[in-house]
Amino acid sequence: MAGLNARIGKAAATGLLAAGVGGFALLAGEVLAAKARRYAKPTMGLALRTSMGKVSAPSLRLVLLGDSAAIGVGVEWLAETVGGQLARLLAEGTTDTGERHVLLSSVGVAGSRSSDLATQVARALLGDKPDVAVVLIGAHDATSLRSPEESAELLGQAVRRLRGAGVRVVVGTCPDLGALRAIAPPLRQVAGMLGRRMARAQAKAVLAAGGAVVDLGEETGGVFRADAGTLCYDGFHPSADGYRVWAHALYPAVAKAAMTGV
């Protein structure tokens, strides 16, 4: 009996090892395939700048910081970006907020991580100070296996600098990476887990630094998982519909920030 148990245990261990090796090989192959895909590129340069709304309405300076989401990679027109759609919503306003003349700019750079925010904050604070900053960051931190706590600390530092300069800050945390069609299962599930860990760390750091948080993964992940049309052709960056979903998720917090004094 002891010999039988030993043989069963050895067989089970061998099976688990083989499964582990096979699983690792599968994930490694999927990582290589994801890296080899053709991804959308920025089409409007590194900075966006425009204005929306009646010139006679109260002005609101809105700046976006962060990664490709902050400059709208995946779409062709400024009005389709998350910044453009947020600016339109703010310009139209509601009975509570009123209309605004929104001066929109972006200092985001595609591929940015939280370690790049210090330079972006310096750029955002050049010249006329923005009233509200929206920060969209975290996807590249998560997929490059950066420590969530270290990345969140860098994000918190950026929020503190902006708040110290009198800018209200809204951060859209790491989106639902488990919704990305560019990544095949089971790597997609792993990416989703990493994204959720990053988002939780980000939320904690941002709140401690005095910023407002919008959990994009929690609020919009279900829509992105259900509708492939929320992503552009590369299955990674949002489409115009995807950016619209994000803009509507961000709008309540951004509108509140626009109405709130420092």
Protein backbone atom coordinates (compact mmCIF):
# COMPACT_ATOMS: atom_id res chain seq x y z
CA MET A 1 0.00 0.00 0.00
CA ALA A 2 2.82 2.38 0.89
CA GLY A 3 4.43 1.68 -2.48
CA LEU A 4 1.15 2.28 -4.27
CA ASN A 5 0.66 5.59 -2.48
CA ALA A 6 4.17 6.62 -3.36
CA ARG A 7 3.61 5.80 -7.03
CA ILE A 8 0.33 7.74 -7.05
CA GLY A 9 1.99 10.70 -5.38
CA LYS A 10 4.85 10.60 -7.86
CA ALA A 11 2.46 10.42 -10.79
CA ALA A 12 0.42 13.31 -9.43
CA ALA A 13 3.54 15.40 -8.90
CA THR A 14 4.74 14.61 -12.41
CA GLY A 15 1.34 15.57 -13.81
CA LEU A 16 1.30 18.85 -11.90
CA LEU A 17 4.82 19.66 -13.05
CA ALA A 18 3.94 18.92 -16.66
CA ALA A 19 0.79 21.02 -16.38
CA GLY A 20 2.80 23.84 -14.83
CA VAL A 21 5.44 23.71 -17.55
CA GLY A 22 2.76 23.52 -20.22
CA GLY A 23 0.88 26.42 -18.69
CA PHE A 24 4.02 28.53 -18.51
CA ALA A 25 4.84 27.74 -22.12
CA LEU A 26 1.32 28.70 -23.16
CA LEU A 27 1.49 32.01 -21.29
CA ALA A 28 4.95 32.74 -22.69
CA GLY A 29 3.68 32.08 -26.21
CA GLU A 30 0.71 34.37 -25.66
CA VAL A 31 3.00 37.13 -24.36
CA LEU A 32 5.10 36.89 -27.53
CA ALA A 33 1.97 36.89 -29.70
CA ALA A 34 0.59 39.96 -27.89
CA LYS A 35 3.88 41.82 -28.38
CA ALA A 36 3.91 40.95 -32.09
CA ARG A 37 0.46 42.39 -32.78
CA ARG A 38 0.03 45.59 -34.78
CA TYR A 39 -1.20 48.29 -32.42
CA ALA A 40 -2.73 51.67 -33.13
CA LYS A 41 -0.37 54.65 -33.13
CA PRO A 42 -0.92 58.27 -32.12
CA THR A 43 -2.31 60.25 -35.04
CA MET A 44 -2.53 63.74 -33.56
CA GLY A 45 0.90 64.29 -32.04
CA LEU A 46 1.73 64.27 -28.35
CA ALA A 47 -0.44 67.23 -27.33
CA LEU A 48 -4.09 68.07 -27.98
CA ARG A 49 -5.38 71.59 -27.67
CA THR A 50 -8.79 72.97 -28.50
CA SER A 51 -11.75 74.80 -27.01
CA MET A 52 -15.42 73.91 -26.86
CA GLY A 53 -18.56 75.75 -25.83
CA LYS A 54 -19.74 79.33 -25.85
CA VAL A 55 -16.98 81.89 -25.47
CA SER A 56 -19.34 83.90 -23.26
CA ALA A 57 -19.70 81.01 -20.77
CA PRO A 58 -17.43 80.69 -17.71
CA SER A 59 -14.10 79.21 -18.76
CA LEU A 60 -12.72 75.89 -17.54
CA ARG A 61 -9.18 74.75 -18.23
CA LEU A 62 -9.08 70.97 -18.50
CA VAL A 63 -5.83 69.04 -18.95
CA LEU A 64 -5.33 65.31 -19.46
CA LEU A 65 -2.25 63.44 -18.29
CA GLY A 66 -1.26 59.82 -18.66
CA ASP A 67 -0.79 57.21 -21.36
CA SER A 68 -2.33 56.63 -24.79
CA ALA A 69 -5.82 57.12 -23.36
CA ALA A 70 -4.96 60.74 -22.58
CA ILE A 71 -4.28 61.50 -26.24
CA GLY A 72 -6.87 59.23 -27.81
CA VAL A 73 -4.83 56.53 -29.52
CA GLY A 74 -7.25 54.38 -31.49
CA VAL A 75 -9.38 57.15 -32.97
CA GLU A 76 -8.79 59.72 -35.71
CA TRP A 77 -10.64 62.81 -34.51
CA LEU A 78 -10.15 64.89 -31.40
CA ALA A 79 -13.90 64.90 -30.77
CA GLU A 80 -13.76 61.09 -30.44
CA THR A 81 -11.09 61.07 -27.71
CA VAL A 82 -12.01 60.80 -24.06
CA GLY A 83 -10.80 64.38 -23.60
CA GLY A 84 -12.86 65.69 -26.49
CA GLN A 85 -15.98 63.90 -25.30
CA LEU A 86 -15.47 65.08 -21.72
CA ALA A 87 -15.00 68.64 -22.96
CA ARG A 88 -18.24 68.45 -24.93
CA LEU A 89 -20.18 67.17 -21.91
CA LEU A 90 -18.72 69.91 -19.72
CA ALA A 91 -19.41 72.59 -22.34
CA GLU A 92 -23.04 71.55 -22.70
CA GLY A 93 -23.47 71.25 -18.94
CA THR A 94 -26.67 70.56 -17.06
CA THR A 95 -29.19 72.65 -15.16
CA ASP A 96 -26.97 72.20 -12.09
CA THR A 97 -23.58 72.91 -13.68
CA GLY A 98 -24.47 75.33 -16.45
CA GLU A 99 -22.58 75.76 -19.72
CA ARG A 100 -18.81 76.13 -19.87
CA HIS A 101 -16.21 77.38 -22.29
CA VAL A 102 -13.79 74.45 -22.00
CA LEU A 103 -10.13 74.94 -22.86
CA LEU A 104 -8.85 71.42 -23.43
CA SER A 105 -5.24 70.29 -23.59
CA SER A 106 -3.32 67.06 -23.10
CA VAL A 107 0.26 66.35 -22.08
CA GLY A 108 -0.15 62.57 -22.18
CA VAL A 109 2.29 60.34 -24.03
CA ALA A 110 1.48 56.91 -25.46
CA GLY A 111 3.11 54.10 -23.52
CA SER A 112 3.58 56.16 -20.37
CA ARG A 113 3.86 54.63 -16.93
CA SER A 114 3.43 56.29 -13.56
CA SER A 115 7.17 57.04 -13.51
CA ASP A 116 6.58 59.40 -16.47
CA LEU A 117 4.01 61.54 -14.68
CA ALA A 118 6.53 63.88 -13.04
CA THR A 119 7.52 65.29 -16.44
CA GLN A 120 3.89 65.53 -17.53
CA VAL A 121 2.92 67.43 -14.38
CA ALA A 122 5.70 69.95 -15.05
CA ARG A 123 4.36 70.43 -18.60
CA ALA A 124 0.78 70.73 -17.39
CA LEU A 125 1.71 73.52 -14.97
CA LEU A 126 3.53 75.61 -17.57
CA GLY A 127 1.69 78.77 -18.51
CA ASP A 128 -1.93 79.17 -17.46
CA LYS A 129 -2.77 76.83 -14.61
CA PRO A 130 -5.45 74.23 -15.37
CA ASP A 131 -8.56 74.12 -13.22
CA VAL A 132 -9.06 70.36 -13.45
CA ALA A 133 -6.63 67.59 -14.36
CA VAL A 134 -7.75 64.13 -15.43
CA VAL A 135 -5.11 61.41 -15.11
CA LEU A 136 -5.44 58.12 -17.02
CA ILE A 137 -2.60 55.76 -16.20
CA GLY A 138 -1.89 52.22 -15.06
CA ALA A 139 -2.32 49.79 -17.95
CA HIS A 140 1.36 49.80 -18.89
CA ASP A 141 2.44 49.67 -15.25
CA ALA A 142 0.34 46.54 -14.80
CA THR A 143 1.34 44.77 -18.02
CA SER A 144 5.04 45.45 -17.41
CA LEU A 145 4.69 43.81 -13.97
CA ARG A 146 5.57 46.96 -12.02
CA SER A 147 4.86 46.83 -8.31
CA PRO A 148 1.32 48.20 -7.76
CA GLU A 149 2.45 49.94 -4.57
CA GLU A 150 5.46 51.61 -6.22
CA SER A 151 3.43 52.71 -9.24
CA ALA A 152 0.66 54.01 -7.00
CA GLU A 153 3.15 55.98 -4.91
CA LEU A 154 4.44 57.73 -8.04
CA LEU A 155 0.87 58.49 -9.05
CA GLY A 156 0.16 59.85 -5.58
CA GLN A 157 3.18 62.13 -5.83
CA ALA A 158 1.88 63.54 -9.13
CA VAL A 159 -1.55 64.15 -7.60
CA ARG A 160 0.01 65.94 -4.61
CA ARG A 161 1.99 68.25 -6.90
CA LEU A 162 -1.11 69.16 -8.88
CA ARG A 163 -3.18 69.68 -5.74
CA GLY A 164 -0.40 71.79 -4.26
CA ALA A 165 -0.60 74.03 -7.32
CA GLY A 166 -4.34 74.48 -6.81
CA VAL A 167 -5.50 72.03 -9.48
CA ARG A 168 -8.42 69.68 -8.79
CA VAL A 169 -7.56 66.14 -9.84
CA VAL A 170 -9.63 63.19 -11.06
CA VAL A 171 -7.87 59.88 -11.69
CA GLY A 172 -9.32 57.13 -13.84
CA THR A 173 -7.66 54.03 -12.42
CA CYS A 174 -6.31 51.13 -14.48
CA PRO A 175 -9.09 49.88 -16.78
CA ASP A 176 -10.29 46.29 -17.00
CA LEU A 177 -7.40 44.55 -18.76
CA GLY A 178 -9.43 41.36 -18.76
CA ALA A 179 -11.57 42.91 -21.50
CA LEU A 180 -8.71 43.26 -24.00
CA ARG A 181 -9.18 41.20 -27.16
CA ALA A 182 -5.50 41.68 -28.04
CA ILE A 183 -4.63 39.20 -25.30
CA ALA A 184 -5.79 35.59 -25.51
CA PRO A 185 -6.96 33.51 -22.54
CA PRO A 186 -5.58 32.51 -20.10
CA LEU A 187 -3.15 35.45 -20.31
CA ARG A 188 -6.18 37.75 -20.52
CA GLN A 189 -7.38 36.56 -17.11
CA VAL A 190 -3.90 37.11 -15.67
CA ALA A 191 -3.87 40.64 -17.11
CA GLY A 192 -7.28 41.28 -15.59
CA MET A 193 -6.02 40.24 -12.17
CA LEU A 194 -2.93 42.47 -12.48
CA GLY A 195 -5.11 45.39 -13.55
CA ARG A 196 -7.42 45.02 -10.56
CA ARG A 197 -4.46 44.94 -8.18
CA MET A 198 -3.08 48.10 -9.79
CA ALA A 199 -6.44 49.88 -9.61
CA ARG A 200 -6.86 49.12 -5.90
CA ALA A 201 -3.39 50.46 -5.08
CA GLN A 202 -3.98 53.54 -7.23
CA ALA A 203 -7.28 54.37 -5.56
CA LYS A 204 -5.73 54.26 -2.11
CA ALA A 205 -2.81 56.50 -3.11
CA VAL A 206 -4.96 59.02 -4.98
CA LEU A 207 -7.44 59.47 -2.14
CA ALA A 208 -4.58 59.94 0.33
CA ALA A 209 -3.13 62.63 -1.96
CA GLY A 210 -6.39 64.58 -2.17
CA GLY A 211 -7.61 63.48 -5.58
CA ALA A 212 -10.90 61.97 -6.71
CA VAL A 213 -11.06 58.40 -8.04
CA VAL A 214 -13.10 56.82 -10.82
CA ASP A 215 -12.68 53.04 -10.96
CA LEU A 216 -12.83 52.55 -14.72
CA GLY A 217 -12.50 48.78 -14.43
CA GLU A 218 -15.41 48.48 -12.03
CA GLU A 219 -17.64 51.02 -13.75
CA THR A 220 -17.02 50.21 -17.41
CA GLY A 221 -15.35 46.79 -17.56
CA GLY A 222 -18.63 44.97 -18.06
CA VAL A 223 -19.44 47.09 -21.11
CA PHE A 224 -16.02 46.48 -22.67
CA ARG A 225 -16.27 42.74 -22.04
CA ALA A 226 -19.73 42.54 -23.61
CA ASP A 227 -19.15 44.78 -26.64
CA ALA A 228 -16.09 44.28 -28.84
CA GLY A 229 -16.97 47.55 -30.57
CA THR A 230 -15.70 49.48 -27.56
CA LEU A 231 -12.17 48.62 -28.72
CA CYS A 232 -10.50 49.77 -31.93
CA TYR A 233 -9.09 47.40 -34.55
CA ASP A 234 -6.09 46.40 -32.42
CA GLY A 235 -8.21 45.00 -29.59
CA PHE A 236 -6.22 47.01 -27.06
CA HIS A 237 -7.02 50.72 -27.34
CA PRO A 238 -10.59 52.02 -27.01
CA SER A 239 -12.64 53.01 -30.04
CA ALA A 240 -14.73 56.17 -30.15
CA ASP A 241 -17.51 54.21 -28.44
CA GLY A 242 -15.10 53.01 -25.78
CA TYR A 243 -13.82 56.50 -25.08
CA ARG A 244 -17.44 57.66 -24.87
CA VAL A 245 -18.11 55.04 -22.20
CA TRP A 246 -15.09 56.26 -20.25
CA ALA A 247 -16.06 59.92 -20.67
CA HIS A 248 -19.52 59.32 -19.23
CA ALA A 249 -18.01 57.38 -16.32
CA LEU A 250 -15.56 60.20 -15.59
CA TYR A 251 -17.98 63.07 -16.15
CA PRO A 252 -19.74 63.19 -12.74
CA ALA A 253 -16.44 63.40 -10.85
CA VAL A 254 -14.96 65.89 -13.31
CA ALA A 255 -18.09 68.08 -13.23
CA LYS A 256 -18.01 68.03 -9.44
CA ALA A 257 -14.35 68.99 -9.45
CA ALA A 258 -15.09 71.84 -11.86
CA MET A 259 -17.66 73.25 -9.43
CA THR A 260 -15.52 72.81 -6.33
CA GLY A 261 -13.04 75.36 -5.03
CA VAL A 262 -9.49 74.38 -4.19
